[in-house]
PDB file of N, CA and C in Angstrom:
ATOM      1  N   MET A   1      82.313 110.573  79.060  1.00  0.00           N
ATOM      2  CA  MET A   1      83.263 110.544  80.077  1.00  0.00           C
ATOM      3  C   MET A   1      84.326 109.524  79.819  1.00  0.00           C
ATOM      4  N   HIS A   2      85.660 109.597  80.156  1.00  0.00           N
ATOM      5  CA  HIS A   2      86.655 108.643  79.858  1.00  0.00           C
ATOM      6  C   HIS A   2      87.295 108.409  81.176  1.00  0.00           C
ATOM      7  N   ILE A   3      87.524 106.995  81.282  1.00  0.00           N
ATOM      8  CA  ILE A   3      88.141 106.437  82.634  1.00  0.00           C
ATOM      9  C   ILE A   3      89.537 105.837  82.271  1.00  0.00           C
ATOM     10  N   PHE A   4      90.467 106.124  82.894  1.00  0.00           N
ATOM     11  CA  PHE A   4      91.769 105.444  82.820  1.00  0.00           C
ATOM     12  C   PHE A   4      92.055 104.737  84.113  1.00  0.00           C
ATOM     13  N   LEU A   5      92.494 103.572  84.089  1.00  0.00           N
ATOM     14  CA  LEU A   5      92.600 102.621  85.183  1.00  0.00           C
ATOM     15  C   LEU A   5      93.952 102.165  85.178  1.00  0.00           C
ATOM     16  N   ASP A   6      94.647 102.081  86.160  1.00  0.00           N
ATOM     17  CA  ASP A   6      95.912 101.577  86.347  1.00  0.00           C
ATOM     18  C   ASP A   6      96.068 100.721  87.609  1.00  0.00           C
ATOM     19  N   GLU A   7      96.963  99.699  87.513  1.00  0.00           N
ATOM     20  CA  GLU A   7      97.108  98.910  88.937  1.00  0.00           C
ATOM     21  C   GLU A   7      98.597  98.802  89.207  1.00  0.00           C
ATOM     22  N   SER A   8      98.940  98.687  90.486  1.00  0.00           N
ATOM     23  CA  SER A   8     100.165  98.493  90.979  1.00  0.00           C
ATOM     24  C   SER A   8     100.255  97.432  92.107  1.00  0.00           C
ATOM     25  N   GLY A   9     101.312  96.498  91.893  1.00  0.00           N
ATOM     26  CA  GLY A   9     101.366  95.469  92.548  1.00  0.00           C
ATOM     27  C   GLY A   9     100.802  94.141  91.969  1.00  0.00           C
ATOM     28  N   ASP A  10     100.705  93.084  92.780  1.00  0.00           N
ATOM     29  CA  ASP A  10     100.316  91.883  92.051  1.00  0.00           C
ATOM     30  C   ASP A  10      99.213  91.325  93.089  1.00  0.00           C
ATOM     31  N   LEU A  11      98.434  90.456  92.466  1.00  0.00           N
ATOM     32  CA  LEU A  11      97.354  89.667  93.418  1.00  0.00           C
ATOM     33  C   LEU A  11      97.885  88.339  93.801  1.00  0.00           C
ATOM     34  N   GLY A  12      99.088  88.160  93.835  1.00  0.00           N
ATOM     35  CA  GLY A  12      99.671  86.941  94.388  1.00  0.00           C
ATOM     36  C   GLY A  12      99.553  86.955  95.952  1.00  0.00           C
ATOM     37  N   PHE A  13      99.544  85.705  96.490  1.00  0.00           N
ATOM     38  CA  PHE A  13      99.552  85.646  97.999  1.00  0.00           C
ATOM     39  C   PHE A  13     100.605  84.584  98.579  1.00  0.00           C
ATOM     40  N   SER A  14     101.713  84.584  97.868  1.00  0.00           N
ATOM     41  CA  SER A  14     102.882  83.843  98.073  1.00  0.00           C
ATOM     42  C   SER A  14     103.736  84.705  99.204  1.00  0.00           C
ATOM     43  N   GLU A  15     104.883  84.056  99.749  1.00  0.00           N
ATOM     44  CA  GLU A  15     105.819  84.743 100.642  1.00  0.00           C
ATOM     45  C   GLU A  15     106.400  85.816  99.792  1.00  0.00           C
ATOM     46  N   LYS A  16     106.655  85.670  98.449  1.00  0.00           N
ATOM     47  CA  LYS A  16     107.355  86.686  97.583  1.00  0.00           C
ATOM     48  C   LYS A  16     106.540  87.807  97.025  1.00  0.00           C
ATOM     49  N   SER A  17     105.063  87.562  97.273  1.00  0.00           N
ATOM     50  CA  SER A  17     104.364  88.667  96.756  1.00  0.00           C
ATOM     51  C   SER A  17     104.306  89.958  97.570  1.00  0.00           C
ATOM     52  N   GLN A  18     104.001  91.133  96.922  1.00  0.00           N
ATOM     53  CA  GLN A  18     103.967  92.293  97.523  1.00  0.00           C
ATOM     54  C   GLN A  18     102.786  92.331  98.478  1.00  0.00           C
ATOM     55  N   GLN A  19     102.891  93.133  99.589  1.00  0.00           N
ATOM     56  CA  GLN A  19     101.749  93.259 100.664  1.00  0.00           C
ATOM     57  C   GLN A  19     100.525  93.855 100.264  1.00  0.00           C
ATOM     58  N   TYR A  20     100.661  94.880  99.253  1.00  0.00           N
ATOM     59  CA  TYR A  20      99.549  95.615  98.979  1.00  0.00           C
ATOM     60  C   TYR A  20      99.279  95.471  97.401  1.00  0.00           C
ATOM     61  N   PHE A  21      98.090  95.851  96.959  1.00  0.00           N
ATOM     62  CA  PHE A  21      97.727  95.830  95.585  1.00  0.00           C
ATOM     63  C   PHE A  21      96.756  97.136  95.473  1.00  0.00           C
ATOM     64  N   VAL A  22      97.257  98.020  94.587  1.00  0.00           N
ATOM     65  CA  VAL A  22      96.539  99.298  94.353  1.00  0.00           C
ATOM     66  C   VAL A  22      95.886  99.301  92.933  1.00  0.00           C
ATOM     67  N   ILE A  23      94.573  99.911  92.999  1.00  0.00           N
ATOM     68  CA  ILE A  23      94.077 100.197  91.560  1.00  0.00           C
ATOM     69  C   ILE A  23      93.566 101.659  91.609  1.00  0.00           C
ATOM     70  N   ALA A  24      94.088 102.357  90.776  1.00  0.00           N
ATOM     71  CA  ALA A  24      93.692 103.804  90.564  1.00  0.00           C
ATOM     72  C   ALA A  24      92.975 104.108  89.245  1.00  0.00           C
ATOM     73  N   ILE A  25      92.109 105.026  89.403  1.00  0.00           N
ATOM     74  CA  ILE A  25      91.318 105.586  88.187  1.00  0.00           C
ATOM     75  C   ILE A  25      91.341 107.040  88.078  1.00  0.00           C
ATOM     76  N   LEU A  26      91.365 107.566  86.881  1.00  0.00           N
ATOM     77  CA  LEU A  26      91.201 108.850  86.519  1.00  0.00           C
ATOM     78  C   LEU A  26      90.048 109.172  85.722  1.00  0.00           C
ATOM     79  N   ILE A  27      89.311 109.959  86.072  1.00  0.00           N
ATOM     80  CA  ILE A  27      88.169 110.142  85.242  1.00  0.00           C
ATOM     81  C   ILE A  27      88.060 111.746  84.759  1.00  0.00           C
ATOM     82  N   THR A  28      87.739 111.903  83.498  1.00  0.00           N
ATOM     83  CA  THR A  28      87.757 113.094  82.875  1.00  0.00           C
ATOM     84  C   THR A  28      86.682 113.164  81.843  1.00  0.00           C
ATOM     85  N   LYS A  29      86.052 114.221  81.506  1.00  0.00           N
ATOM     86  CA  LYS A  29      85.148 114.447  80.391  1.00  0.00           C
ATOM     87  C   LYS A  29      85.907 114.506  79.119  1.00  0.00           C
ATOM     88  N   ASP A  30      87.044 115.306  79.240  1.00  0.00           N
ATOM     89  CA  ASP A  30      87.867 115.585  77.929  1.00  0.00           C
ATOM     90  C   ASP A  30      89.247 115.038  78.118  1.00  0.00           C
ATOM     91  N   LYS A  31      89.497 113.873  77.388  1.00  0.00           N
ATOM     92  CA  LYS A  31      90.875 113.235  77.453  1.00  0.00           C
ATOM     93  C   LYS A  31      91.984 113.894  76.771  1.00  0.00           C
ATOM     94  N   LYS A  32      91.662 114.758  75.899  1.00  0.00           N
ATOM     95  CA  LYS A  32      92.605 115.416  74.980  1.00  0.00           C
ATOM     96  C   LYS A  32      93.654 116.127  75.750  1.00  0.00           C
ATOM     97  N   PRO A  33      93.361 117.113  76.602  1.00  0.00           N
ATOM     98  CA  PRO A  33      94.514 117.637  77.436  1.00  0.00           C
ATOM     99  C   PRO A  33      95.360 116.690  78.212  1.00  0.00           C
ATOM    100  N   ILE A  34      94.883 115.706  78.642  1.00  0.00           N
ATOM    101  CA  ILE A  34      95.866 114.564  79.276  1.00  0.00           C
ATOM    102  C   ILE A  34      96.598 113.917  78.326  1.00  0.00           C
ATOM    103  N   GLU A  35      96.018 113.443  77.177  1.00  0.00           N
ATOM    104  CA  GLU A  35      96.879 112.811  76.113  1.00  0.00           C
ATOM    105  C   GLU A  35      97.910 113.760  75.647  1.00  0.00           C
ATOM    106  N   ASN A  36      97.661 115.035  75.331  1.00  0.00           N
ATOM    107  CA  ASN A  36      98.552 116.142  74.919  1.00  0.00           C
ATOM    108  C   ASN A  36      99.611 116.231  75.755  1.00  0.00           C
ATOM    109  N   CYS A  37      99.385 116.360  77.108  1.00  0.00           N
ATOM    110  CA  CYS A  37     100.355 116.465  78.207  1.00  0.00           C
ATOM    111  C   CYS A  37     101.456 115.426  78.173  1.00  0.00           C
ATOM    112  N   ILE A  38     100.847 114.111  78.176  1.00  0.00           N
ATOM    113  CA  ILE A  38     101.772 112.933  78.089  1.00  0.00           C
ATOM    114  C   ILE A  38     102.497 112.797  76.781  1.00  0.00           C
ATOM    115  N   LYS A  39     102.088 113.238  75.895  1.00  0.00           N
ATOM    116  CA  LYS A  39     102.762 113.364  74.481  1.00  0.00           C
ATOM    117  C   LYS A  39     103.906 114.271  74.503  1.00  0.00           C
ATOM    118  N   ARG A  40     103.623 115.434  75.325  1.00  0.00           N
ATOM    119  CA  ARG A  40     104.681 116.479  75.303  1.00  0.00           C
ATOM    120  C   ARG A  40     105.943 115.917  76.366  1.00  0.00           C
ATOM    121  N   ILE A  41     105.488 115.214  77.438  1.00  0.00           N
ATOM    122  CA  ILE A  41     106.362 114.756  78.242  1.00  0.00           C
ATOM    123  C   ILE A  41     107.375 113.698  77.443  1.00  0.00           C
ATOM    124  N   ARG A  42     106.729 112.833  76.610  1.00  0.00           N
ATOM    125  CA  ARG A  42     107.427 111.827  75.899  1.00  0.00           C
ATOM    126  C   ARG A  42     108.373 112.624  74.965  1.00  0.00           C
ATOM    127  N   GLN A  43     107.956 113.551  74.344  1.00  0.00           N
ATOM    128  CA  GLN A  43     108.744 114.345  73.343  1.00  0.00           C
ATOM    129  C   GLN A  43     109.894 114.895  73.942  1.00  0.00           C
ATOM    130  N   ARG A  44     109.620 115.708  75.227  1.00  0.00           N
ATOM    131  CA  ARG A  44     110.720 116.691  75.858  1.00  0.00           C
ATOM    132  C   ARG A  44     111.440 116.104  76.859  1.00  0.00           C
ATOM    133  N   LYS A  45     110.974 115.121  77.782  1.00  0.00           N
ATOM    134  CA  LYS A  45     111.479 114.767  79.018  1.00  0.00           C
ATOM    135  C   LYS A  45     112.172 113.334  79.075  1.00  0.00           C
ATOM    136  N   LEU A  46     111.791 112.549  78.009  1.00  0.00           N
ATOM    137  CA  LEU A  46     112.265 111.131  78.054  1.00  0.00           C
ATOM    138  C   LEU A  46     113.506 111.065  77.202  1.00  0.00           C
ATOM    139  N   PRO A  47     114.438 110.242  77.760  1.00  0.00           N
ATOM    140  CA  PRO A  47     115.585 110.049  76.867  1.00  0.00           C
ATOM    141  C   PRO A  47     115.092 109.331  75.637  1.00  0.00           C
ATOM    142  N   LYS A  48     115.922 109.527  74.487  1.00  0.00           N
ATOM    143  CA  LYS A  48     115.604 108.844  73.298  1.00  0.00           C
ATOM    144  C   LYS A  48     115.121 107.315  73.349  1.00  0.00           C
ATOM    145  N   LYS A  49     115.871 106.562  74.046  1.00  0.00           N
ATOM    146  CA  LYS A  49     115.586 105.148  73.976  1.00  0.00           C
ATOM    147  C   LYS A  49     114.245 104.795  74.699  1.00  0.00           C
ATOM    148  N   TYR A  50     113.743 105.791  75.517  1.00  0.00           N
ATOM    149  CA  TYR A  50     112.374 105.372  76.057  1.00  0.00           C
ATOM    150  C   TYR A  50     111.096 105.977  75.398  1.00  0.00           C
ATOM    151  N   LYS A  51     111.408 106.822  74.298  1.00  0.00           N
ATOM    152  CA  LYS A  51     110.310 107.557  73.747  1.00  0.00           C
ATOM    153  C   LYS A  51     109.248 106.643  72.995  1.00  0.00           C
ATOM    154  N   LYS A  52     109.569 105.222  72.691  1.00  0.00           N
ATOM    155  CA  LYS A  52     108.632 104.506  72.055  1.00  0.00           C
ATOM    156  C   LYS A  52     108.037 103.451  72.839  1.00  0.00           C
ATOM    157  N   ILE A  53     108.357 103.461  74.164  1.00  0.00           N
ATOM    158  CA  ILE A  53     107.844 102.486  75.190  1.00  0.00           C
ATOM    159  C   ILE A  53     106.373 102.722  75.172  1.00  0.00           C
ATOM    160  N   PRO A  54     105.472 101.776  75.004  1.00  0.00           N
ATOM    161  CA  PRO A  54     104.071 101.961  74.917  1.00  0.00           C
ATOM    162  C   PRO A  54     103.440 102.444  76.373  1.00  0.00           C
ATOM    163  N   GLU A  55     104.116 102.158  77.575  1.00  0.00           N
ATOM    164  CA  GLU A  55     103.605 102.632  78.705  1.00  0.00           C
ATOM    165  C   GLU A  55     104.595 103.190  79.653  1.00  0.00           C
ATOM    166  N   LEU A  56     104.302 104.378  80.059  1.00  0.00           N
ATOM    167  CA  LEU A  56     105.340 104.905  80.975  1.00  0.00           C
ATOM    168  C   LEU A  56     104.906 104.243  82.534  1.00  0.00           C
ATOM    169  N   LYS A  57     106.077 103.784  82.980  1.00  0.00           N
ATOM    170  CA  LYS A  57     106.039 103.101  84.361  1.00  0.00           C
ATOM    171  C   LYS A  57     106.543 104.238  85.394  1.00  0.00           C
ATOM    172  N   PHE A  58     105.513 104.621  86.176  1.00  0.00           N
ATOM    173  CA  PHE A  58     105.690 105.691  87.250  1.00  0.00           C
ATOM    174  C   PHE A  58     107.004 105.179  88.081  1.00  0.00           C
ATOM    175  N   THR A  59     106.992 103.969  88.564  1.00  0.00           N
ATOM    176  CA  THR A  59     108.069 103.578  89.534  1.00  0.00           C
ATOM    177  C   THR A  59     109.435 103.510  88.868  1.00  0.00           C
ATOM    178  N   ASN A  60     109.539 103.356  87.403  1.00  0.00           N
ATOM    179  CA  ASN A  60     110.766 103.301  86.818  1.00  0.00           C
ATOM    180  C   ASN A  60     111.115 104.753  86.308  1.00  0.00           C
ATOM    181  N   SER A  61     110.493 105.813  86.550  1.00  0.00           N
ATOM    182  CA  SER A  61     110.641 107.131  86.124  1.00  0.00           C
ATOM    183  C   SER A  61     111.396 107.947  87.165  1.00  0.00           C
ATOM    184  N   ASP A  62     112.138 108.877  86.654  1.00  0.00           N
ATOM    185  CA  ASP A  62     112.667 109.792  87.563  1.00  0.00           C
ATOM    186  C   ASP A  62     111.792 110.892  87.995  1.00  0.00           C
ATOM    187  N   ASN A  63     112.256 111.716  89.087  1.00  0.00           N
ATOM    188  CA  ASN A  63     111.410 112.785  89.639  1.00  0.00           C
ATOM    189  C   ASN A  63     110.932 113.752  88.795  1.00  0.00           C
ATOM    190  N   VAL A  64     111.697 114.144  87.812  1.00  0.00           N
ATOM    191  CA  VAL A  64     111.291 115.164  86.712  1.00  0.00           C
ATOM    192  C   VAL A  64     110.032 114.536  86.002  1.00  0.00           C
ATOM    193  N   ILE A  65     110.028 113.520  85.414  1.00  0.00           N
ATOM    194  CA  ILE A  65     108.951 112.795  84.677  1.00  0.00           C
ATOM    195  C   ILE A  65     107.726 112.557  85.742  1.00  0.00           C
ATOM    196  N   ARG A  66     108.005 112.081  86.800  1.00  0.00           N
ATOM    197  CA  ARG A  66     106.909 111.893  87.803  1.00  0.00           C
ATOM    198  C   ARG A  66     106.236 113.289  88.025  1.00  0.00           C
ATOM    199  N   LYS A  67     106.953 114.325  88.439  1.00  0.00           N
ATOM    200  CA  LYS A  67     106.272 115.599  88.744  1.00  0.00           C
ATOM    201  C   LYS A  67     105.422 116.053  87.540  1.00  0.00           C
ATOM    202  N   SER A  68     106.162 115.883  86.297  1.00  0.00           N
ATOM    203  CA  SER A  68     105.562 116.448  85.110  1.00  0.00           C
ATOM    204  C   SER A  68     104.228 115.588  84.744  1.00  0.00           C
ATOM    205  N   ILE A  69     104.140 114.461  85.083  1.00  0.00           N
ATOM    206  CA  ILE A  69     102.950 113.667  84.787  1.00  0.00           C
ATOM    207  C   ILE A  69     101.843 114.079  85.836  1.00  0.00           C
ATOM    208  N   LEU A  70     102.293 114.244  87.033  1.00  0.00           N
ATOM    209  CA  LEU A  70     101.193 114.660  88.147  1.00  0.00           C
ATOM    210  C   LEU A  70     100.726 116.081  87.751  1.00  0.00           C
ATOM    211  N   LYS A  71     101.522 116.890  87.005  1.00  0.00           N
ATOM    212  CA  LYS A  71     100.854 118.175  86.649  1.00  0.00           C
ATOM    213  C   LYS A  71      99.912 118.196  85.456  1.00  0.00           C
ATOM    214  N   CYS A  72      99.882 117.000  84.864  1.00  0.00           N
ATOM    215  CA  CYS A  72      98.795 116.632  83.760  1.00  0.00           C
ATOM    216  C   CYS A  72      97.391 116.837  84.187  1.00  0.00           C
ATOM    217  N   LYS A  73      97.242 116.494  85.482  1.00  0.00           N
ATOM    218  CA  LYS A  73      95.780 116.529  85.909  1.00  0.00           C
ATOM    219  C   LYS A  73      95.133 117.800  85.759  1.00  0.00           C
ATOM    220  N   ARG A  74      94.209 117.944  84.699  1.00  0.00           N
ATOM    221  CA  ARG A  74      93.396 119.055  84.446  1.00  0.00           C
ATOM    222  C   ARG A  74      91.949 118.653  84.377  1.00  0.00           C
ATOM    223  N   ASN A  75      91.064 119.132  85.064  1.00  0.00           N
ATOM    224  CA  ASN A  75      89.747 118.805  85.195  1.00  0.00           C
ATOM    225  C   ASN A  75      89.508 117.229  85.238  1.00  0.00           C
ATOM    226  N   VAL A  76      90.226 116.659  86.214  1.00  0.00           N
ATOM    227  CA  VAL A  76      89.956 115.183  86.422  1.00  0.00           C
ATOM    228  C   VAL A  76      89.646 114.867  87.786  1.00  0.00           C
ATOM    229  N   GLU A  77      89.207 113.690  88.007  1.00  0.00           N
ATOM    230  CA  GLU A  77      88.882 113.229  89.356  1.00  0.00           C
ATOM    231  C   GLU A  77      89.694 111.914  89.596  1.00  0.00           C
ATOM    232  N   LEU A  78      90.351 111.721  90.499  1.00  0.00           N
ATOM    233  CA  LEU A  78      91.101 110.791  90.905  1.00  0.00           C
ATOM    234  C   LEU A  78      90.596 109.895  92.080  1.00  0.00           C
ATOM    235  N   SER A  79      90.667 108.640  91.997  1.00  0.00           N
ATOM    236  CA  SER A  79      90.198 107.678  93.060  1.00  0.00           C
ATOM    237  C   SER A  79      91.168 106.503  92.946  1.00  0.00           C
ATOM    238  N   TYR A  80      91.228 105.904  94.210  1.00  0.00           N
ATOM    239  CA  TYR A  80      92.043 104.772  94.246  1.00  0.00           C
ATOM    240  C   TYR A  80      91.625 103.838  95.463  1.00  0.00           C
ATOM    241  N   ILE A  81      92.054 102.662  95.429  1.00  0.00           N
ATOM    242  CA  ILE A  81      91.724 101.721  96.455  1.00  0.00           C
ATOM    243  C   ILE A  81      93.081 100.873  96.701  1.00  0.00           C
ATOM    244  N   LEU A  82      93.356 100.766  97.846  1.00  0.00           N
ATOM    245  CA  LEU A  82      94.469 100.076  98.358  1.00  0.00           C
ATOM    246  C   LEU A  82      93.919  98.766  99.093  1.00  0.00           C
ATOM    247  N   LEU A  83      94.454  97.590  98.612  1.00  0.00           N
ATOM    248  CA  LEU A  83      94.205  96.169  99.270  1.00  0.00           C
ATOM    249  C   LEU A  83      95.435  95.862 100.104  1.00  0.00           C
ATOM    250  N   ASN A  84      95.183  95.697 101.371  1.00  0.00           N
ATOM    251  CA  ASN A  84      96.262  95.067 102.229  1.00  0.00           C
ATOM    252  C   ASN A  84      95.910  93.371 102.100  1.00  0.00           C
ATOM    253  N   LYS A  85      96.803  92.766 101.322  1.00  0.00           N
ATOM    254  CA  LYS A  85      96.369  91.352 100.965  1.00  0.00           C
ATOM    255  C   LYS A  85      96.550  90.445 102.199  1.00  0.00           C
ATOM    256  N   ARG A  86      97.280  90.986 103.211  1.00  0.00           N
ATOM    257  CA  ARG A  86      97.127  90.110 104.480  1.00  0.00           C
ATOM    258  C   ARG A  86      95.878  90.058 105.143  1.00  0.00           C
ATOM    259  N   ARG A  87      94.963  90.947 104.754  1.00  0.00           N
ATOM    260  CA  ARG A  87      93.527  90.959 105.457  1.00  0.00           C
ATOM    261  C   ARG A  87      92.544  90.270 104.487  1.00  0.00           C
ATOM    262  N   VAL A  88      92.914  89.544 103.269  1.00  0.00           N
ATOM    263  CA  VAL A  88      92.236  88.812 102.475  1.00  0.00           C
ATOM    264  C   VAL A  88      91.846  87.449 102.957  1.00  0.00           C
ATOM    265  N   TYR A  89      90.586  87.023 103.233  1.00  0.00           N
ATOM    266  CA  TYR A  89      90.340  85.750 103.713  1.00  0.00           C
ATOM    267  C   TYR A  89      91.081  84.703 102.849  1.00  0.00           C
ATOM    268  N   PRO A  90      91.603  83.762 103.624  1.00  0.00           N
ATOM    269  CA  PRO A  90      92.252  82.534 103.013  1.00  0.00           C
ATOM    270  C   PRO A  90      91.613  81.851 102.016  1.00  0.00           C
ATOM    271  N   ARG A  91      90.170  81.657 102.123  1.00  0.00           N
ATOM    272  CA  ARG A  91      89.330  81.063 101.125  1.00  0.00           C
ATOM    273  C   ARG A  91      89.255  81.813  99.765  1.00  0.00           C
ATOM    274  N   LEU A  92      89.630  83.109  99.851  1.00  0.00           N
ATOM    275  CA  LEU A  92      89.449  83.948  98.622  1.00  0.00           C
ATOM    276  C   LEU A  92      90.846  84.120  97.888  1.00  0.00           C
ATOM    277  N   GLN A  93      91.986  83.639  98.529  1.00  0.00           N
ATOM    278  CA  GLN A  93      93.179  83.998  98.077  1.00  0.00           C
ATOM    279  C   GLN A  93      93.551  83.286  96.681  1.00  0.00           C
ATOM    280  N   ASP A  94      92.883  82.088  96.380  1.00  0.00           N
ATOM    281  CA  ASP A  94      92.993  81.304  95.147  1.00  0.00           C
ATOM    282  C   ASP A  94      91.981  81.728  94.084  1.00  0.00           C
ATOM    283  N   LYS A  95      91.150  82.764  94.473  1.00  0.00           N
ATOM    284  CA  LYS A  95      90.112  83.276  93.631  1.00  0.00           C
ATOM    285  C   LYS A  95      90.269  84.588  93.213  1.00  0.00           C
ATOM    286  N   LYS A  96      91.449  84.934  92.587  1.00  0.00           N
ATOM    287  CA  LYS A  96      92.040  86.250  92.286  1.00  0.00           C
ATOM    288  C   LYS A  96      91.023  87.108  91.553  1.00  0.00           C
ATOM    289  N   ASN A  97      90.257  86.502  90.480  1.00  0.00           N
ATOM    290  CA  ASN A  97      89.302  87.260  89.998  1.00  0.00           C
ATOM    291  C   ASN A  97      88.221  87.878  90.624  1.00  0.00           C
ATOM    292  N   ILE A  98      87.687  86.969  91.650  1.00  0.00           N
ATOM    293  CA  ILE A  98      86.744  87.604  92.504  1.00  0.00           C
ATOM    294  C   ILE A  98      87.271  88.715  93.340  1.00  0.00           C
ATOM    295  N   VAL A  99      88.358  88.559  93.896  1.00  0.00           N
ATOM    296  CA  VAL A  99      89.080  89.731  94.778  1.00  0.00           C
ATOM    297  C   VAL A  99      89.158  91.041  93.722  1.00  0.00           C
ATOM    298  N   TYR A 100      89.705  90.719  92.609  1.00  0.00           N
ATOM    299  CA  TYR A 100      89.793  91.795  91.670  1.00  0.00           C
ATOM    300  C   TYR A 100      88.550  92.528  91.377  1.00  0.00           C
ATOM    301  N   ASN A 101      87.540  91.767  91.020  1.00  0.00           N
ATOM    302  CA  ASN A 101      86.192  92.338  90.645  1.00  0.00           C
ATOM    303  C   ASN A 101      85.664  93.069  91.799  1.00  0.00           C
ATOM    304  N   TYR A 102      85.813  92.346  93.145  1.00  0.00           N
ATOM    305  CA  TYR A 102      85.165  93.096  94.143  1.00  0.00           C
ATOM    306  C   TYR A 102      85.914  94.367  94.387  1.00  0.00           C
ATOM    307  N   ILE A 103      87.114  94.548  94.578  1.00  0.00           N
ATOM    308  CA  ILE A 103      87.746  95.764  94.803  1.00  0.00           C
ATOM    309  C   ILE A 103      87.537  96.770  93.825  1.00  0.00           C
ATOM    310  N   THR A 104      87.309  96.408  92.610  1.00  0.00           N
ATOM    311  CA  THR A 104      87.150  97.297  91.363  1.00  0.00           C
ATOM    312  C   THR A 104      85.755  97.672  91.360  1.00  0.00           C
ATOM    313  N   SER A 105      84.774  97.020  91.739  1.00  0.00           N
ATOM    314  CA  SER A 105      83.427  97.342  91.790  1.00  0.00           C
ATOM    315  C   SER A 105      83.207  98.348  92.900  1.00  0.00           C
ATOM    316  N   PHE A 106      84.083  97.990  94.165  1.00  0.00           N
ATOM    317  CA  PHE A 106      83.781  98.915  95.082  1.00  0.00           C
ATOM    318  C   PHE A 106      84.466 100.240  94.923  1.00  0.00           C
ATOM    319  N   LEU A 107      85.589 100.265  94.047  1.00  0.00           N
ATOM    320  CA  LEU A 107      86.110 101.614  93.793  1.00  0.00           C
ATOM    321  C   LEU A 107      85.174 102.482  92.840  1.00  0.00           C
ATOM    322  N   PHE A 108      84.681 101.819  91.962  1.00  0.00           N
ATOM    323  CA  PHE A 108      83.652 102.548  90.869  1.00  0.00           C
ATOM    324  C   PHE A 108      82.485 102.870  91.794  1.00  0.00           C
ATOM    325  N   SER A 109      82.058 102.121  92.758  1.00  0.00           N
ATOM    326  CA  SER A 109      80.740 102.443  93.449  1.00  0.00           C
ATOM    327  C   SER A 109      80.965 103.827  93.880  1.00  0.00           C
ATOM    328  N   PHE A 110      82.150 104.345  94.271  1.00  0.00           N
ATOM    329  CA  PHE A 110      82.225 105.766  94.837  1.00  0.00           C
ATOM    330  C   PHE A 110      82.397 106.762  93.750  1.00  0.00           C
ATOM    331  N   THR A 111      82.374 106.428  92.532  1.00  0.00           N
ATOM    332  CA  THR A 111      82.448 107.351  91.299  1.00  0.00           C
ATOM    333  C   THR A 111      81.254 107.473  90.549  1.00  0.00           C
ATOM    334  N   GLU A 112      80.095 106.910  90.974  1.00  0.00           N
ATOM    335  CA  GLU A 112      78.881 106.778  90.331  1.00  0.00           C
ATOM    336  C   GLU A 112      78.348 108.233  90.040  1.00  0.00           C
ATOM    337  N   GLY A 113      78.570 109.146  90.934  1.00  0.00           N
ATOM    338  CA  GLY A 113      78.025 110.363  90.787  1.00  0.00           C
ATOM    339  C   GLY A 113      78.779 111.420  89.947  1.00  0.00           C
ATOM    340  N   THR A 114      79.787 110.875  89.409  1.00  0.00           N
ATOM    341  CA  THR A 114      80.797 111.697  88.587  1.00  0.00           C
ATOM    342  C   THR A 114      80.036 111.920  87.264  1.00  0.00           C
ATOM    343  N   GLU A 115      79.963 113.122  86.895  1.00  0.00           N
ATOM    344  CA  GLU A 115      79.560 113.342  85.406  1.00  0.00           C
ATOM    345  C   GLU A 115      79.937 114.771  84.927  1.00  0.00           C
TER     346      GLU A 115
END
């Protein structure tokens, strides 16, 4: 089994911080079709100056690339968790590692039956 994890947002709690933090996971038994799909997108869809960037940023991509990436999902399971940071107890706001570990373990607890 292969698990790909990605995060969006930040775990800061200042006035300038984003309101939400998201963690998403993609689970697959065979990662090769996904890797090949991403490779094809890099070769065919990306402008030359972006082909060597190590990570594709969904928010920085245009709709053609976004739609192409979403079509890559073959025999996968997707799960995500959205944290509304306004609901985090004040006593935990300076313990980012505890918040991160809690929401990640909560997310993975729903994927335990995946095989």
